[in-house]
């Protein structure tokens, strides 16, 4: 949830779809790393 707030601050004009893509990407990165 905190990440979502951080993303919204960094991308105030971002759409929900962009946010979903970004969250998917960060989740994928986390899975690859672990």
C-alpha atoms as a PDB file:
ATOM      1  CA  UNK A   1       0.000   0.000   0.000  1.00  0.00           C
ATOM      2  CA  UNK A   2       2.858   2.369   0.785  1.00  0.00           C
ATOM      3  CA  UNK A   3       4.349   1.651  -2.634  1.00  0.00           C
ATOM      4  CA  UNK A   4       1.110   2.735  -4.253  1.00  0.00           C
ATOM      5  CA  UNK A   5       1.236   6.074  -2.432  1.00  0.00           C
ATOM      6  CA  UNK A   6       4.863   6.519  -3.446  1.00  0.00           C
ATOM      7  CA  UNK A   7       3.947   5.797  -7.059  1.00  0.00           C
ATOM      8  CA  UNK A   8       1.073   8.266  -6.964  1.00  0.00           C
ATOM      9  CA  UNK A   9       3.397  10.965  -5.621  1.00  0.00           C
ATOM     10  CA  UNK A  10       5.944  10.229  -8.340  1.00  0.00           C
ATOM     11  CA  UNK A  11       3.285   9.998 -11.088  1.00  0.00           C
ATOM     12  CA  UNK A  12       0.429  12.332 -10.108  1.00  0.00           C
ATOM     13  CA  UNK A  13      -0.931  12.223 -13.665  1.00  0.00           C
ATOM     14  CA  UNK A  14      -0.482   8.476 -14.047  1.00  0.00           C
ATOM     15  CA  UNK A  15      -3.497   6.371 -14.899  1.00  0.00           C
ATOM     16  CA  UNK A  16      -4.628   3.372 -12.898  1.00  0.00           C
ATOM     17  CA  UNK A  17      -3.505   1.122 -15.765  1.00  0.00           C
ATOM     18  CA  UNK A  18      -0.011   2.593 -15.664  1.00  0.00           C
ATOM     19  CA  UNK A  19       0.027   2.032 -11.938  1.00  0.00           C
ATOM     20  CA  UNK A  20      -1.058  -1.586 -12.366  1.00  0.00           C
ATOM     21  CA  UNK A  21       1.686  -2.141 -14.945  1.00  0.00           C
ATOM     22  CA  UNK A  22       4.246  -0.598 -12.616  1.00  0.00           C
ATOM     23  CA  UNK A  23       3.117  -2.754  -9.708  1.00  0.00           C
ATOM     24  CA  UNK A  24       3.299  -5.861 -11.910  1.00  0.00           C
ATOM     25  CA  UNK A  25       6.824  -4.913 -12.960  1.00  0.00           C
ATOM     26  CA  UNK A  26       8.015  -4.306  -9.408  1.00  0.00           C
ATOM     27  CA  UNK A  27       6.461  -7.611  -8.319  1.00  0.00           C
ATOM     28  CA  UNK A  28       8.186  -9.418 -11.187  1.00  0.00           C
ATOM     29  CA  UNK A  29      11.528  -7.871 -10.221  1.00  0.00           C
ATOM     30  CA  UNK A  30      11.040  -8.918  -6.615  1.00  0.00           C
ATOM     31  CA  UNK A  31      10.243 -12.485  -7.683  1.00  0.00           C
ATOM     32  CA  UNK A  32      13.344 -12.645  -9.877  1.00  0.00           C
ATOM     33  CA  UNK A  33      15.556 -11.343  -7.087  1.00  0.00           C
ATOM     34  CA  UNK A  34      14.308 -13.693  -4.388  1.00  0.00           C
END
